[in-house]
Amino acid sequence: MATIDITGHDFPQTIQNNDIVLVDFWAAWCGPCRMFAPTYEAASRKHADVVFAKVDTEAEQALAAAAGISSIPTLMAFREGVLVFSEPGALPAAGLEDVITAVKNLDMAEVHARIAARQQAPGAG
């Protein structure tokens, strides 16, 4: 599957309607972003079970701000609608594969239990 461009309009549905979504926040003027793009595209062809999305931070400034993007490229990974990874910087191919494997191997029952426990903790809100 090739990468898809997403906007603030379709970002929530993309995250909620897919099991695993990787999001690359990038800009055309960003050298490291341009260097990371072929690596990201190659991984998207290798992992058909993962949605590989791209957000142009110039065109989608409100979305980038809402996501707390302060440096690009930034890669975020969502699993079952939960943000499970967020890191700025261009990853090498092996590093990206490590992230994808780790996200696929997450015990989501445990992740959801931790979220629920945090939300029930005194002072949480």
PDB file of N, CA and C in Angstrom:
ATOM      1  N   MET A   1       0.847  -1.180   0.000  1.00  0.00           N
ATOM      2  CA  MET A   1       0.000   0.000   0.000  1.00  0.00           C
ATOM      3  C   MET A   1       0.891   1.241   0.000  1.00  0.00           C
ATOM      4  N   ALA A   2       0.582   2.193  -0.831  1.00  0.00           N
ATOM      5  CA  ALA A   2       1.346   3.436  -0.876  1.00  0.00           C
ATOM      6  C   ALA A   2       0.931   4.338   0.273  1.00  0.00           C
ATOM      7  N   THR A   3       1.738   5.333   0.526  1.00  0.00           N
ATOM      8  CA  THR A   3       1.393   6.290   1.572  1.00  0.00           C
ATOM      9  C   THR A   3       0.195   7.119   1.125  1.00  0.00           C
ATOM     10  N   ILE A   4      -0.540   7.640   2.109  1.00  0.00           N
ATOM     11  CA  ILE A   4      -1.688   8.499   1.825  1.00  0.00           C
ATOM     12  C   ILE A   4      -1.464   9.846   2.497  1.00  0.00           C
ATOM     13  N   ASP A   5      -1.951  10.889   1.862  1.00  0.00           N
ATOM     14  CA  ASP A   5      -1.917  12.219   2.465  1.00  0.00           C
ATOM     15  C   ASP A   5      -3.191  12.399   3.263  1.00  0.00           C
ATOM     16  N   ILE A   6      -3.044  12.889   4.509  1.00  0.00           N
ATOM     17  CA  ILE A   6      -4.233  13.146   5.314  1.00  0.00           C
ATOM     18  C   ILE A   6      -4.213  14.586   5.802  1.00  0.00           C
ATOM     19  N   THR A   7      -5.407  15.072   6.125  1.00  0.00           N
ATOM     20  CA  THR A   7      -5.597  16.442   6.574  1.00  0.00           C
ATOM     21  C   THR A   7      -6.262  16.425   7.946  1.00  0.00           C
ATOM     22  N   GLY A   8      -6.442  17.589   8.502  1.00  0.00           N
ATOM     23  CA  GLY A   8      -7.149  17.687   9.781  1.00  0.00           C
ATOM     24  C   GLY A   8      -8.559  17.142   9.692  1.00  0.00           C
ATOM     25  N   HIS A   9      -9.144  17.202   8.482  1.00  0.00           N
ATOM     26  CA  HIS A   9     -10.504  16.702   8.277  1.00  0.00           C
ATOM     27  C   HIS A   9     -10.582  15.179   8.406  1.00  0.00           C
ATOM     28  N   ASP A  10      -9.641  14.451   7.809  1.00  0.00           N
ATOM     29  CA  ASP A  10      -9.734  12.988   7.822  1.00  0.00           C
ATOM     30  C   ASP A  10      -8.782  12.314   8.824  1.00  0.00           C
ATOM     31  N   PHE A  11      -7.986  13.106   9.542  1.00  0.00           N
ATOM     32  CA  PHE A  11      -7.053  12.538  10.524  1.00  0.00           C
ATOM     33  C   PHE A  11      -7.775  11.691  11.586  1.00  0.00           C
ATOM     34  N   PRO A  12      -8.821  12.214  12.269  1.00  0.00           N
ATOM     35  CA  PRO A  12      -9.459  11.400  13.322  1.00  0.00           C
ATOM     36  C   PRO A  12     -10.020  10.074  12.803  1.00  0.00           C
ATOM     37  N   GLN A  13     -10.689  10.111  11.637  1.00  0.00           N
ATOM     38  CA  GLN A  13     -11.267   8.878  11.092  1.00  0.00           C
ATOM     39  C   GLN A  13     -10.180   7.892  10.704  1.00  0.00           C
ATOM     40  N   THR A  14      -9.077   8.380  10.158  1.00  0.00           N
ATOM     41  CA  THR A  14      -7.981   7.497   9.764  1.00  0.00           C
ATOM     42  C   THR A  14      -7.427   6.774  10.980  1.00  0.00           C
ATOM     43  N   ILE A  15      -7.230   7.503  12.068  1.00  0.00           N
ATOM     44  CA  ILE A  15      -6.680   6.916  13.291  1.00  0.00           C
ATOM     45  C   ILE A  15      -7.663   5.920  13.907  1.00  0.00           C
ATOM     46  N   GLN A  16      -8.936   6.280  13.950  1.00  0.00           N
ATOM     47  CA  GLN A  16      -9.928   5.443  14.618  1.00  0.00           C
ATOM     48  C   GLN A  16     -10.363   4.230  13.796  1.00  0.00           C
ATOM     49  N   ASN A  17     -10.315   4.320  12.479  1.00  0.00           N
ATOM     50  CA  ASN A  17     -10.866   3.265  11.627  1.00  0.00           C
ATOM     51  C   ASN A  17      -9.841   2.249  11.138  1.00  0.00           C
ATOM     52  N   ASN A  18      -8.608   2.340  11.641  1.00  0.00           N
ATOM     53  CA  ASN A  18      -7.556   1.414  11.226  1.00  0.00           C
ATOM     54  C   ASN A  18      -6.807   0.913  12.455  1.00  0.00           C
ATOM     55  N   ASP A  19      -6.362  -0.338  12.422  1.00  0.00           N
ATOM     56  CA  ASP A  19      -5.678  -0.924  13.575  1.00  0.00           C
ATOM     57  C   ASP A  19      -4.349  -0.227  13.839  1.00  0.00           C
ATOM     58  N   ILE A  20      -3.506  -0.135  12.819  1.00  0.00           N
ATOM     59  CA  ILE A  20      -2.189   0.494  12.984  1.00  0.00           C
ATOM     60  C   ILE A  20      -2.044   1.587  11.935  1.00  0.00           C
ATOM     61  N   VAL A  21      -1.699   2.791  12.408  1.00  0.00           N
ATOM     62  CA  VAL A  21      -1.492   3.932  11.522  1.00  0.00           C
ATOM     63  C   VAL A  21      -0.179   4.601  11.906  1.00  0.00           C
ATOM     64  N   LEU A  22       0.707   4.747  10.933  1.00  0.00           N
ATOM     65  CA  LEU A  22       1.909   5.548  11.116  1.00  0.00           C
ATOM     66  C   LEU A  22       1.659   6.875  10.427  1.00  0.00           C
ATOM     67  N   VAL A  23       2.085   7.963  11.067  1.00  0.00           N
ATOM     68  CA  VAL A  23       1.892   9.291  10.501  1.00  0.00           C
ATOM     69  C   VAL A  23       3.238  10.004  10.468  1.00  0.00           C
ATOM     70  N   ASP A  24       3.619  10.421   9.274  1.00  0.00           N
ATOM     71  CA  ASP A  24       4.844  11.177   9.057  1.00  0.00           C
ATOM     72  C   ASP A  24       4.463  12.645   8.885  1.00  0.00           C
ATOM     73  N   PHE A  25       4.851  13.480   9.863  1.00  0.00           N
ATOM     74  CA  PHE A  25       4.654  14.919   9.765  1.00  0.00           C
ATOM     75  C   PHE A  25       5.890  15.487   9.083  1.00  0.00           C
ATOM     76  N   TRP A  26       5.715  16.169   7.958  1.00  0.00           N
ATOM     77  CA  TRP A  26       6.828  16.578   7.111  1.00  0.00           C
ATOM     78  C   TRP A  26       6.532  17.926   6.449  1.00  0.00           C
ATOM     79  N   ALA A  27       7.515  18.464   5.746  1.00  0.00           N
ATOM     80  CA  ALA A  27       7.343  19.656   4.913  1.00  0.00           C
ATOM     81  C   ALA A  27       8.298  19.556   3.724  1.00  0.00           C
ATOM     82  N   ALA A  28       7.895  20.137   2.617  1.00  0.00           N
ATOM     83  CA  ALA A  28       8.685  20.039   1.385  1.00  0.00           C
ATOM     84  C   ALA A  28      10.059  20.689   1.521  1.00  0.00           C
ATOM     85  N   TRP A  29      10.182  21.719   2.321  1.00  0.00           N
ATOM     86  CA  TRP A  29      11.454  22.434   2.467  1.00  0.00           C
ATOM     87  C   TRP A  29      12.431  21.727   3.412  1.00  0.00           C
ATOM     88  N   CYS A  30      11.991  20.670   4.068  1.00  0.00           N
ATOM     89  CA  CYS A  30      12.772  19.985   5.108  1.00  0.00           C
ATOM     90  C   CYS A  30      13.661  18.898   4.473  1.00  0.00           C
ATOM     91  N   GLY A  31      14.977  19.111   4.516  1.00  0.00           N
ATOM     92  CA  GLY A  31      15.918  18.142   3.945  1.00  0.00           C
ATOM     93  C   GLY A  31      15.798  16.760   4.560  1.00  0.00           C
ATOM     94  N   PRO A  32      15.806  16.637   5.908  1.00  0.00           N
ATOM     95  CA  PRO A  32      15.657  15.306   6.506  1.00  0.00           C
ATOM     96  C   PRO A  32      14.323  14.641   6.136  1.00  0.00           C
ATOM     97  N   CYS A  33      13.282  15.451   5.968  1.00  0.00           N
ATOM     98  CA  CYS A  33      11.981  14.900   5.561  1.00  0.00           C
ATOM     99  C   CYS A  33      12.087  14.262   4.176  1.00  0.00           C
ATOM    100  N   ARG A  34      12.748  14.972   3.256  1.00  0.00           N
ATOM    101  CA  ARG A  34      12.910  14.455   1.889  1.00  0.00           C
ATOM    102  C   ARG A  34      13.780  13.196   1.883  1.00  0.00           C
ATOM    103  N   MET A  35      14.769  13.139   2.778  1.00  0.00           N
ATOM    104  CA  MET A  35      15.623  11.942   2.860  1.00  0.00           C
ATOM    105  C   MET A  35      14.855  10.749   3.428  1.00  0.00           C
ATOM    106  N   PHE A  36      13.919  10.996   4.365  1.00  0.00           N
ATOM    107  CA  PHE A  36      13.153   9.932   5.008  1.00  0.00           C
ATOM    108  C   PHE A  36      12.040   9.408   4.098  1.00  0.00           C
ATOM    109  N   ALA A  37      11.541  10.229   3.198  1.00  0.00           N
ATOM    110  CA  ALA A  37      10.384   9.869   2.370  1.00  0.00           C
ATOM    111  C   ALA A  37      10.536   8.540   1.622  1.00  0.00           C
ATOM    112  N   PRO A  38      11.662   8.256   0.945  1.00  0.00           N
ATOM    113  CA  PRO A  38      11.774   6.966   0.247  1.00  0.00           C
ATOM    114  C   PRO A  38      11.777   5.765   1.209  1.00  0.00           C
ATOM    115  N   THR A  39      12.364   5.943   2.372  1.00  0.00           N
ATOM    116  CA  THR A  39      12.373   4.871   3.383  1.00  0.00           C
ATOM    117  C   THR A  39      10.952   4.574   3.844  1.00  0.00           C
ATOM    118  N   TYR A  40      10.190   5.633   4.096  1.00  0.00           N
ATOM    119  CA  TYR A  40       8.804   5.517   4.551  1.00  0.00           C
ATOM    120  C   TYR A  40       7.945   4.879   3.461  1.00  0.00           C
ATOM    121  N   GLU A  41       8.141   5.301   2.224  1.00  0.00           N
ATOM    122  CA  GLU A  41       7.383   4.755   1.097  1.00  0.00           C
ATOM    123  C   GLU A  41       7.698   3.266   0.908  1.00  0.00           C
ATOM    124  N   ALA A  42       8.967   2.888   1.020  1.00  0.00           N
ATOM    125  CA  ALA A  42       9.350   1.478   0.876  1.00  0.00           C
ATOM    126  C   ALA A  42       8.706   0.632   1.970  1.00  0.00           C
ATOM    127  N   ALA A  43       8.683   1.134   3.192  1.00  0.00           N
ATOM    128  CA  ALA A  43       8.056   0.391   4.291  1.00  0.00           C
ATOM    129  C   ALA A  43       6.556   0.252   4.059  1.00  0.00           C
ATOM    130  N   SER A  44       5.934   1.275   3.460  1.00  0.00           N
ATOM    131  CA  SER A  44       4.489   1.205   3.205  1.00  0.00           C
ATOM    132  C   SER A  44       4.164   0.092   2.213  1.00  0.00           C
ATOM    133  N   ARG A  45       5.047  -0.153   1.268  1.00  0.00           N
ATOM    134  CA  ARG A  45       4.824  -1.242   0.301  1.00  0.00           C
ATOM    135  C   ARG A  45       5.054  -2.607   0.947  1.00  0.00           C
ATOM    136  N   LYS A  46       5.899  -2.665   1.947  1.00  0.00           N
ATOM    137  CA  LYS A  46       6.235  -3.930   2.603  1.00  0.00           C
ATOM    138  C   LYS A  46       5.183  -4.351   3.640  1.00  0.00           C
ATOM    139  N   HIS A  47       4.490  -3.381   4.241  1.00  0.00           N
ATOM    140  CA  HIS A  47       3.544  -3.664   5.336  1.00  0.00           C
ATOM    141  C   HIS A  47       2.133  -3.248   4.926  1.00  0.00           C
ATOM    142  N   ALA A  48       1.472  -4.106   4.166  1.00  0.00           N
ATOM    143  CA  ALA A  48       0.125  -3.800   3.668  1.00  0.00           C
ATOM    144  C   ALA A  48      -0.906  -3.718   4.787  1.00  0.00           C
ATOM    145  N   ASP A  49      -0.581  -4.270   5.967  1.00  0.00           N
ATOM    146  CA  ASP A  49      -1.512  -4.262   7.091  1.00  0.00           C
ATOM    147  C   ASP A  49      -1.413  -2.984   7.924  1.00  0.00           C
ATOM    148  N   VAL A  50      -0.577  -2.049   7.520  1.00  0.00           N
ATOM    149  CA  VAL A  50      -0.378  -0.796   8.241  1.00  0.00           C
ATOM    150  C   VAL A  50      -0.725   0.361   7.311  1.00  0.00           C
ATOM    151  N   VAL A  51      -1.428   1.366   7.837  1.00  0.00           N
ATOM    152  CA  VAL A  51      -1.698   2.578   7.075  1.00  0.00           C
ATOM    153  C   VAL A  51      -0.526   3.532   7.284  1.00  0.00           C
ATOM    154  N   PHE A  52       0.069   3.975   6.202  1.00  0.00           N
ATOM    155  CA  PHE A  52       1.175   4.932   6.226  1.00  0.00           C
ATOM    156  C   PHE A  52       0.637   6.265   5.727  1.00  0.00           C
ATOM    157  N   ALA A  53       0.475   7.198   6.643  1.00  0.00           N
ATOM    158  CA  ALA A  53      -0.087   8.504   6.301  1.00  0.00           C
ATOM    159  C   ALA A  53       0.981   9.582   6.392  1.00  0.00           C
ATOM    160  N   LYS A  54       0.767  10.643   5.635  1.00  0.00           N
ATOM    161  CA  LYS A  54       1.678  11.789   5.652  1.00  0.00           C
ATOM    162  C   LYS A  54       0.853  13.051   5.881  1.00  0.00           C
ATOM    163  N   VAL A  55       1.399  13.941   6.722  1.00  0.00           N
ATOM    164  CA  VAL A  55       0.768  15.229   6.970  1.00  0.00           C
ATOM    165  C   VAL A  55       1.763  16.318   6.594  1.00  0.00           C
ATOM    166  N   ASP A  56       1.394  17.129   5.608  1.00  0.00           N
ATOM    167  CA  ASP A  56       2.205  18.271   5.196  1.00  0.00           C
ATOM    168  C   ASP A  56       1.980  19.376   6.232  1.00  0.00           C
ATOM    169  N   THR A  57       2.997  19.630   7.052  1.00  0.00           N
ATOM    170  CA  THR A  57       2.834  20.582   8.155  1.00  0.00           C
ATOM    171  C   THR A  57       2.646  22.019   7.675  1.00  0.00           C
ATOM    172  N   GLU A  58       3.051  22.317   6.451  1.00  0.00           N
ATOM    173  CA  GLU A  58       2.822  23.660   5.906  1.00  0.00           C
ATOM    174  C   GLU A  58       1.343  23.840   5.561  1.00  0.00           C
ATOM    175  N   ALA A  59       0.762  22.855   4.924  1.00  0.00           N
ATOM    176  CA  ALA A  59      -0.641  22.923   4.529  1.00  0.00           C
ATOM    177  C   ALA A  59      -1.576  22.669   5.706  1.00  0.00           C
ATOM    178  N   GLU A  60      -1.115  21.924   6.693  1.00  0.00           N
ATOM    179  CA  GLU A  60      -1.948  21.512   7.832  1.00  0.00           C
ATOM    180  C   GLU A  60      -1.346  22.024   9.149  1.00  0.00           C
ATOM    181  N   GLN A  61      -1.169  23.347   9.227  1.00  0.00           N
ATOM    182  CA  GLN A  61      -0.537  23.930  10.406  1.00  0.00           C
ATOM    183  C   GLN A  61      -1.359  23.717  11.680  1.00  0.00           C
ATOM    184  N   ALA A  62      -2.671  23.780  11.586  1.00  0.00           N
ATOM    185  CA  ALA A  62      -3.512  23.576  12.763  1.00  0.00           C
ATOM    186  C   ALA A  62      -3.390  22.143  13.275  1.00  0.00           C
ATOM    187  N   LEU A  63      -3.370  21.188  12.365  1.00  0.00           N
ATOM    188  CA  LEU A  63      -3.221  19.785  12.756  1.00  0.00           C
ATOM    189  C   LEU A  63      -1.859  19.553  13.391  1.00  0.00           C
ATOM    190  N   ALA A  64      -0.809  20.105  12.785  1.00  0.00           N
ATOM    191  CA  ALA A  64       0.538  19.956  13.345  1.00  0.00           C
ATOM    192  C   ALA A  64       0.610  20.569  14.738  1.00  0.00           C
ATOM    193  N   ALA A  65      -0.008  21.716  14.928  1.00  0.00           N
ATOM    194  CA  ALA A  65      -0.019  22.354  16.247  1.00  0.00           C
ATOM    195  C   ALA A  65      -0.788  21.509  17.253  1.00  0.00           C
ATOM    196  N   ALA A  66      -1.943  20.991  16.838  1.00  0.00           N
ATOM    197  CA  ALA A  66      -2.759  20.158  17.732  1.00  0.00           C
ATOM    198  C   ALA A  66      -2.016  18.884  18.123  1.00  0.00           C
ATOM    199  N   ALA A  67      -1.179  18.377  17.215  1.00  0.00           N
ATOM    200  CA  ALA A  67      -0.407  17.162  17.492  1.00  0.00           C
ATOM    201  C   ALA A  67       0.871  17.467  18.277  1.00  0.00           C
ATOM    202  N   GLY A  68       1.137  18.737  18.519  1.00  0.00           N
ATOM    203  CA  GLY A  68       2.322  19.111  19.291  1.00  0.00           C
ATOM    204  C   GLY A  68       3.621  18.966  18.523  1.00  0.00           C
ATOM    205  N   ILE A  69       3.557  19.105  17.211  1.00  0.00           N
ATOM    206  CA  ILE A  69       4.752  18.939  16.385  1.00  0.00           C
ATOM    207  C   ILE A  69       5.638  20.173  16.535  1.00  0.00           C
ATOM    208  N   SER A  70       6.863  19.966  17.006  1.00  0.00           N
ATOM    209  CA  SER A  70       7.800  21.084  17.159  1.00  0.00           C
ATOM    210  C   SER A  70       9.051  20.885  16.310  1.00  0.00           C
ATOM    211  N   SER A  71       9.194  19.701  15.734  1.00  0.00           N
ATOM    212  CA  SER A  71      10.347  19.377  14.907  1.00  0.00           C
ATOM    213  C   SER A  71       9.899  18.381  13.846  1.00  0.00           C
ATOM    214  N   ILE A  72      10.418  18.563  12.633  1.00  0.00           N
ATOM    215  CA  ILE A  72      10.072  17.621  11.566  1.00  0.00           C
ATOM    216  C   ILE A  72      11.339  17.068  10.949  1.00  0.00           C
ATOM    217  N   PRO A  73      11.265  15.853  10.440  1.00  0.00           N
ATOM    218  CA  PRO A  73      10.083  14.999  10.451  1.00  0.00           C
ATOM    219  C   PRO A  73       9.806  14.465  11.858  1.00  0.00           C
ATOM    220  N   THR A  74       8.546  14.231  12.132  1.00  0.00           N
ATOM    221  CA  THR A  74       8.133  13.534  13.347  1.00  0.00           C
ATOM    222  C   THR A  74       7.281  12.354  12.910  1.00  0.00           C
ATOM    223  N   LEU A  75       7.595  11.195  13.461  1.00  0.00           N
ATOM    224  CA  LEU A  75       6.831   9.986  13.180  1.00  0.00           C
ATOM    225  C   LEU A  75       5.978   9.652  14.394  1.00  0.00           C
ATOM    226  N   MET A  76       4.693   9.446  14.166  1.00  0.00           N
ATOM    227  CA  MET A  76       3.781   8.988  15.214  1.00  0.00           C
ATOM    228  C   MET A  76       3.210   7.646  14.790  1.00  0.00           C
ATOM    229  N   ALA A  77       2.983   6.793  15.772  1.00  0.00           N
ATOM    230  CA  ALA A  77       2.341   5.498  15.523  1.00  0.00           C
ATOM    231  C   ALA A  77       1.126   5.388  16.433  1.00  0.00           C
ATOM    232  N   PHE A  78       0.022   4.975  15.837  1.00  0.00           N
ATOM    233  CA  PHE A  78      -1.217   4.752  16.567  1.00  0.00           C
ATOM    234  C   PHE A  78      -1.611   3.300  16.415  1.00  0.00           C
ATOM    235  N   ARG A  79      -2.087   2.724  17.495  1.00  0.00           N
ATOM    236  CA  ARG A  79      -2.592   1.346  17.461  1.00  0.00           C
ATOM    237  C   ARG A  79      -3.924   1.342  18.179  1.00  0.00           C
ATOM    238  N   GLU A  80      -4.949   0.875  17.523  1.00  0.00           N
ATOM    239  CA  GLU A  80      -6.309   0.860  18.061  1.00  0.00           C
ATOM    240  C   GLU A  80      -6.713   2.242  18.572  1.00  0.00           C
ATOM    241  N   GLY A  81      -6.317   3.270  17.822  1.00  0.00           N
ATOM    242  CA  GLY A  81      -6.685   4.634  18.168  1.00  0.00           C
ATOM    243  C   GLY A  81      -5.850   5.287  19.251  1.00  0.00           C
ATOM    244  N   VAL A  82      -4.842   4.585  19.756  1.00  0.00           N
ATOM    245  CA  VAL A  82      -4.004   5.077  20.852  1.00  0.00           C
ATOM    246  C   VAL A  82      -2.627   5.459  20.314  1.00  0.00           C
ATOM    247  N   LEU A  83      -2.168   6.653  20.670  1.00  0.00           N
ATOM    248  CA  LEU A  83      -0.813   7.057  20.314  1.00  0.00           C
ATOM    249  C   LEU A  83       0.162   6.222  21.133  1.00  0.00           C
ATOM    250  N   VAL A  84       0.976   5.414  20.453  1.00  0.00           N
ATOM    251  CA  VAL A  84       1.906   4.513  21.152  1.00  0.00           C
ATOM    252  C   VAL A  84       3.367   4.843  20.875  1.00  0.00           C
ATOM    253  N   PHE A  85       3.617   5.780  19.935  1.00  0.00           N
ATOM    254  CA  PHE A  85       4.987   6.162  19.609  1.00  0.00           C
ATOM    255  C   PHE A  85       4.968   7.544  18.985  1.00  0.00           C
ATOM    256  N   SER A  86       5.903   8.380  19.388  1.00  0.00           N
ATOM    257  CA  SER A  86       6.066   9.693  18.778  1.00  0.00           C
ATOM    258  C   SER A  86       7.506  10.114  18.960  1.00  0.00           C
ATOM    259  N   GLU A  87       8.184  10.360  17.831  1.00  0.00           N
ATOM    260  CA  GLU A  87       9.594  10.730  17.912  1.00  0.00           C
ATOM    261  C   GLU A  87       9.979  11.581  16.705  1.00  0.00           C
ATOM    262  N   PRO A  88      10.641  12.715  16.967  1.00  0.00           N
ATOM    263  CA  PRO A  88      11.146  13.499  15.841  1.00  0.00           C
ATOM    264  C   PRO A  88      12.427  12.889  15.288  1.00  0.00           C
ATOM    265  N   GLY A  89      12.705  13.197  14.036  1.00  0.00           N
ATOM    266  CA  GLY A  89      13.939  12.729  13.408  1.00  0.00           C
ATOM    267  C   GLY A  89      13.672  11.699  12.336  1.00  0.00           C
ATOM    268  N   ALA A  90      14.534  11.695  11.329  1.00  0.00           N
ATOM    269  CA  ALA A  90      14.432  10.733  10.235  1.00  0.00           C
ATOM    270  C   ALA A  90      15.059   9.414  10.666  1.00  0.00           C
ATOM    271  N   LEU A  91      14.284   8.360  10.637  1.00  0.00           N
ATOM    272  CA  LEU A  91      14.780   7.040  11.011  1.00  0.00           C
ATOM    273  C   LEU A  91      15.424   6.347   9.818  1.00  0.00           C
ATOM    274  N   PRO A  92      16.474   5.570  10.052  1.00  0.00           N
ATOM    275  CA  PRO A  92      16.973   4.709   8.982  1.00  0.00           C
ATOM    276  C   PRO A  92      15.977   3.558   8.775  1.00  0.00           C
ATOM    277  N   ALA A  93      16.104   2.850   7.677  1.00  0.00           N
ATOM    278  CA  ALA A  93      15.168   1.761   7.364  1.00  0.00           C
ATOM    279  C   ALA A  93      15.072   0.753   8.501  1.00  0.00           C
ATOM    280  N   ALA A  94      16.193   0.353   9.079  1.00  0.00           N
ATOM    281  CA  ALA A  94      16.176  -0.636  10.169  1.00  0.00           C
ATOM    282  C   ALA A  94      15.453  -0.082  11.391  1.00  0.00           C
ATOM    283  N   GLY A  95      15.632   1.200  11.670  1.00  0.00           N
ATOM    284  CA  GLY A  95      14.947   1.816  12.807  1.00  0.00           C
ATOM    285  C   GLY A  95      13.448   1.860  12.600  1.00  0.00           C
ATOM    286  N   LEU A  96      13.017   2.181  11.383  1.00  0.00           N
ATOM    287  CA  LEU A  96      11.593   2.198  11.073  1.00  0.00           C
ATOM    288  C   LEU A  96      11.006   0.800  11.192  1.00  0.00           C
ATOM    289  N   GLU A  97      11.728  -0.203  10.707  1.00  0.00           N
ATOM    290  CA  GLU A  97      11.264  -1.592  10.847  1.00  0.00           C
ATOM    291  C   GLU A  97      11.122  -1.972  12.320  1.00  0.00           C
ATOM    292  N   ASP A  98      12.061  -1.529  13.156  1.00  0.00           N
ATOM    293  CA  ASP A  98      11.986  -1.813  14.597  1.00  0.00           C
ATOM    294  C   ASP A  98      10.729  -1.203  15.204  1.00  0.00           C
ATOM    295  N   VAL A  99      10.412   0.033  14.822  1.00  0.00           N
ATOM    296  CA  VAL A  99       9.202   0.687  15.337  1.00  0.00           C
ATOM    297  C   VAL A  99       7.968  -0.078  14.893  1.00  0.00           C
ATOM    298  N   ILE A 100       7.897  -0.434  13.625  1.00  0.00           N
ATOM    299  CA  ILE A 100       6.731  -1.158  13.103  1.00  0.00           C
ATOM    300  C   ILE A 100       6.561  -2.489  13.826  1.00  0.00           C
ATOM    301  N   THR A 101       7.644  -3.221  14.005  1.00  0.00           N
ATOM    302  CA  THR A 101       7.582  -4.509  14.708  1.00  0.00           C
ATOM    303  C   THR A 101       7.118  -4.313  16.144  1.00  0.00           C
ATOM    304  N   ALA A 102       7.669  -3.318  16.818  1.00  0.00           N
ATOM    305  CA  ALA A 102       7.285  -3.070  18.214  1.00  0.00           C
ATOM    306  C   ALA A 102       5.805  -2.720  18.325  1.00  0.00           C
ATOM    307  N   VAL A 103       5.307  -1.895  17.411  1.00  0.00           N
ATOM    308  CA  VAL A 103       3.897  -1.511  17.439  1.00  0.00           C
ATOM    309  C   VAL A 103       3.016  -2.729  17.174  1.00  0.00           C
ATOM    310  N   LYS A 104       3.398  -3.556  16.211  1.00  0.00           N
ATOM    311  CA  LYS A 104       2.619  -4.768  15.913  1.00  0.00           C
ATOM    312  C   LYS A 104       2.607  -5.737  17.093  1.00  0.00           C
ATOM    313  N   ASN A 105       3.687  -5.775  17.861  1.00  0.00           N
ATOM    314  CA  ASN A 105       3.804  -6.735  18.964  1.00  0.00           C
ATOM    315  C   ASN A 105       3.266  -6.231  20.293  1.00  0.00           C
ATOM    316  N   LEU A 106       2.751  -5.010  20.330  1.00  0.00           N
ATOM    317  CA  LEU A 106       2.221  -4.482  21.579  1.00  0.00           C
ATOM    318  C   LEU A 106       1.063  -5.336  22.093  1.00  0.00           C
ATOM    319  N   ASP A 107       1.009  -5.501  23.400  1.00  0.00           N
ATOM    320  CA  ASP A 107      -0.126  -6.151  24.058  1.00  0.00           C
ATOM    321  C   ASP A 107      -1.150  -5.046  24.315  1.00  0.00           C
ATOM    322  N   MET A 108      -2.107  -4.897  23.419  1.00  0.00           N
ATOM    323  CA  MET A 108      -3.034  -3.781  23.514  1.00  0.00           C
ATOM    324  C   MET A 108      -3.987  -3.906  24.687  1.00  0.00           C
ATOM    325  N   ALA A 109      -4.260  -5.118  25.155  1.00  0.00           N
ATOM    326  CA  ALA A 109      -5.079  -5.263  26.363  1.00  0.00           C
ATOM    327  C   ALA A 109      -4.372  -4.596  27.537  1.00  0.00           C
ATOM    328  N   GLU A 110      -3.059  -4.788  27.606  1.00  0.00           N
ATOM    329  CA  GLU A 110      -2.276  -4.160  28.672  1.00  0.00           C
ATOM    330  C   GLU A 110      -2.241  -2.642  28.499  1.00  0.00           C
ATOM    331  N   VAL A 111      -2.077  -2.168  27.282  1.00  0.00           N
ATOM    332  CA  VAL A 111      -2.054  -0.725  27.018  1.00  0.00           C
ATOM    333  C   VAL A 111      -3.382  -0.095  27.433  1.00  0.00           C
ATOM    334  N   HIS A 112      -4.487  -0.698  27.032  1.00  0.00           N
ATOM    335  CA  HIS A 112      -5.809  -0.167  27.389  1.00  0.00           C
ATOM    336  C   HIS A 112      -6.026  -0.224  28.900  1.00  0.00           C
ATOM    337  N   ALA A 113      -5.540  -1.276  29.562  1.00  0.00           N
ATOM    338  CA  ALA A 113      -5.668  -1.377  31.022  1.00  0.00           C
ATOM    339  C   ALA A 113      -4.890  -0.258  31.706  1.00  0.00           C
ATOM    340  N   ARG A 114      -3.697   0.044  31.215  1.00  0.00           N
ATOM    341  CA  ARG A 114      -2.899   1.139  31.805  1.00  0.00           C
ATOM    342  C   ARG A 114      -3.593   2.486  31.626  1.00  0.00           C
ATOM    343  N   ILE A 115      -4.185   2.695  30.456  1.00  0.00           N
ATOM    344  CA  ILE A 115      -4.903   3.943  30.202  1.00  0.00           C
ATOM    345  C   ILE A 115      -6.087   4.062  31.149  1.00  0.00           C
ATOM    346  N   ALA A 116      -6.835   2.980  31.300  1.00  0.00           N
ATOM    347  CA  ALA A 116      -7.990   2.979  32.190  1.00  0.00           C
ATOM    348  C   ALA A 116      -7.558   3.245  33.638  1.00  0.00           C
ATOM    349  N   ALA A 117      -6.467   2.634  34.072  1.00  0.00           N
ATOM    350  CA  ALA A 117      -5.983   2.836  35.435  1.00  0.00           C
ATOM    351  C   ALA A 117      -5.575   4.287  35.655  1.00  0.00           C
ATOM    352  N   ARG A 118      -4.922   4.877  34.658  1.00  0.00           N
ATOM    353  CA  ARG A 118      -4.518   6.295  34.764  1.00  0.00           C
ATOM    354  C   ARG A 118      -5.735   7.200  34.867  1.00  0.00           C
ATOM    355  N   GLN A 119      -6.766   6.881  34.104  1.00  0.00           N
ATOM    356  CA  GLN A 119      -7.965   7.725  34.094  1.00  0.00           C
ATOM    357  C   GLN A 119      -8.733   7.612  35.401  1.00  0.00           C
ATOM    358  N   GLN A 120      -8.572   6.482  36.116  1.00  0.00           N
ATOM    359  CA  GLN A 120      -9.260   6.289  37.384  1.00  0.00           C
ATOM    360  C   GLN A 120      -8.444   6.754  38.585  1.00  0.00           C
ATOM    361  N   ALA A 121      -7.180   7.074  38.348  1.00  0.00           N
ATOM    362  CA  ALA A 121      -6.301   7.504  39.433  1.00  0.00           C
ATOM    363  C   ALA A 121      -6.770   8.848  39.989  1.00  0.00           C
ATOM    364  N   PRO A 122      -6.594   9.069  41.306  1.00  0.00           N
ATOM    365  CA  PRO A 122      -6.980  10.361  41.890  1.00  0.00           C
ATOM    366  C   PRO A 122      -6.220  11.490  41.192  1.00  0.00           C
ATOM    367  N   GLY A 123      -6.952  12.544  40.875  1.00  0.00           N
ATOM    368  CA  GLY A 123      -6.332  13.689  40.223  1.00  0.00           C
ATOM    369  C   GLY A 123      -6.289  13.583  38.725  1.00  0.00           C
ATOM    370  N   ALA A 124      -6.653  12.429  38.178  1.00  0.00           N
ATOM    371  CA  ALA A 124      -6.636  12.259  36.723  1.00  0.00           C
ATOM    372  C   ALA A 124      -7.840  12.977  36.141  1.00  0.00           C
ATOM    373  N   GLY A 125      -7.689  13.436  34.937  1.00  0.00           N
ATOM    374  CA  GLY A 125      -8.870  14.064  34.350  1.00  0.00           C
ATOM    375  C   GLY A 125      -8.647  14.637  33.073  1.00  0.00           C
TER     376      GLY A 125
END
